Amino acid sequence: MAFVITSACIDEKAGECQEVCPVDCIEEGENMYYIDPDVCIDCGACEAVCPVDAVFMEDEVPETEHEYIALNRRFFEEN
């Protein structure tokens, strides 16, 4: 289970999440950050520092934000 960055990050891109990630699984995209689910160790450091509450455990992503689970994965498959 990995953490997922959702829509609240769009155009926010504060970056604290990337700075605290101990395994460097967060990368900046064009309009938001993304978490690589294959590298994430589920430590929660990113969730704790997100100023816009955009980070959720995969199984806790709000139903209206479920598309971001696939978007995070796809970002790393395509880049």
Protein backbone atom coordinates (compact mmCIF):
# COMPACT_ATOMS: atom_id res chain seq x y z
CA MET A 1 0.00 0.00 0.00
CA ALA A 2 1.38 3.38 -0.97
CA PHE A 3 0.54 6.98 -0.34
CA VAL A 4 -1.22 8.91 -3.11
CA ILE A 5 -1.18 12.62 -3.93
CA THR A 6 -4.60 13.94 -4.93
CA SER A 7 -6.18 16.99 -6.58
CA ALA A 8 -5.49 19.44 -3.75
CA CYS A 9 -1.86 19.47 -4.98
CA ILE A 10 -2.77 20.72 -8.46
CA ASP A 11 -1.07 24.06 -9.01
CA GLU A 12 -0.09 24.14 -5.30
CA LYS A 13 3.17 22.21 -5.48
CA ALA A 14 4.49 23.32 -2.11
CA GLY A 15 7.20 20.63 -2.16
CA GLU A 16 7.54 19.79 1.51
CA CYS A 17 6.53 16.22 0.71
CA GLN A 18 9.44 15.75 -1.66
CA GLU A 19 11.89 17.27 0.81
CA VAL A 20 11.01 14.85 3.65
CA CYS A 21 10.67 11.63 1.65
CA PRO A 22 13.40 9.24 2.86
CA VAL A 23 13.30 7.10 -0.32
CA ASP A 24 12.92 9.83 -2.96
CA CYS A 25 9.68 8.39 -4.35
CA ILE A 26 8.04 11.77 -4.96
CA GLU A 27 8.61 13.60 -8.22
CA GLU A 28 7.40 16.91 -9.52
CA GLY A 29 5.16 16.83 -12.56
CA GLU A 30 3.88 19.66 -14.72
CA ASN A 31 1.17 20.80 -12.32
CA MET A 32 1.48 18.59 -9.21
CA TYR A 33 3.69 16.08 -7.37
CA TYR A 34 3.34 12.31 -7.73
CA ILE A 35 4.29 9.36 -5.52
CA ASP A 36 5.82 6.23 -7.06
CA PRO A 37 3.78 3.40 -5.51
CA ASP A 38 6.53 0.86 -6.22
CA VAL A 39 9.10 2.83 -4.21
CA CYS A 40 6.94 4.32 -1.41
CA ILE A 41 7.63 2.68 1.96
CA ASP A 42 4.44 3.96 3.60
CA CYS A 43 6.29 5.98 6.23
CA GLY A 44 3.76 8.84 6.24
CA ALA A 45 6.36 11.63 6.31
CA CYS A 46 4.81 13.25 3.23
CA GLU A 47 1.29 13.15 4.63
CA ALA A 48 2.37 14.87 7.83
CA VAL A 49 3.91 17.88 6.07
CA CYS A 50 1.46 18.47 3.22
CA PRO A 51 0.06 21.99 3.73
CA VAL A 52 -3.05 21.30 1.60
CA ASP A 53 -3.93 17.78 2.85
CA ALA A 54 -3.44 16.26 -0.61
CA VAL A 55 -1.72 13.05 0.57
CA PHE A 56 -3.63 9.91 1.57
CA MET A 57 -2.91 6.23 2.13
CA GLU A 58 -4.15 4.43 -0.97
CA ASP A 59 -7.01 2.73 0.87
CA GLU A 60 -8.07 6.05 2.44
CA VAL A 61 -8.24 8.14 -0.74
CA PRO A 62 -11.70 9.76 -0.86
CA GLU A 63 -13.98 8.14 -3.42
CA THR A 64 -14.14 11.35 -5.44
CA GLU A 65 -10.32 11.25 -5.74
CA HIS A 66 -9.85 7.58 -6.76
CA GLU A 67 -8.65 8.54 -10.24
CA TYR A 68 -5.47 9.89 -8.61
CA ILE A 69 -4.43 6.39 -7.56
CA ALA A 70 -4.03 5.50 -11.24
CA LEU A 71 -2.63 8.94 -12.15
CA ASN A 72 0.23 8.57 -9.66
CA ARG A 73 1.10 5.11 -10.99
CA ARG A 74 0.79 6.17 -14.63
CA PHE A 75 3.11 9.14 -14.11
CA PHE A 76 5.97 6.75 -13.25
CA GLU A 77 5.11 4.25 -15.97
CA GLU A 78 5.27 6.97 -18.62
CA ASN A 79 8.31 8.87 -17.31
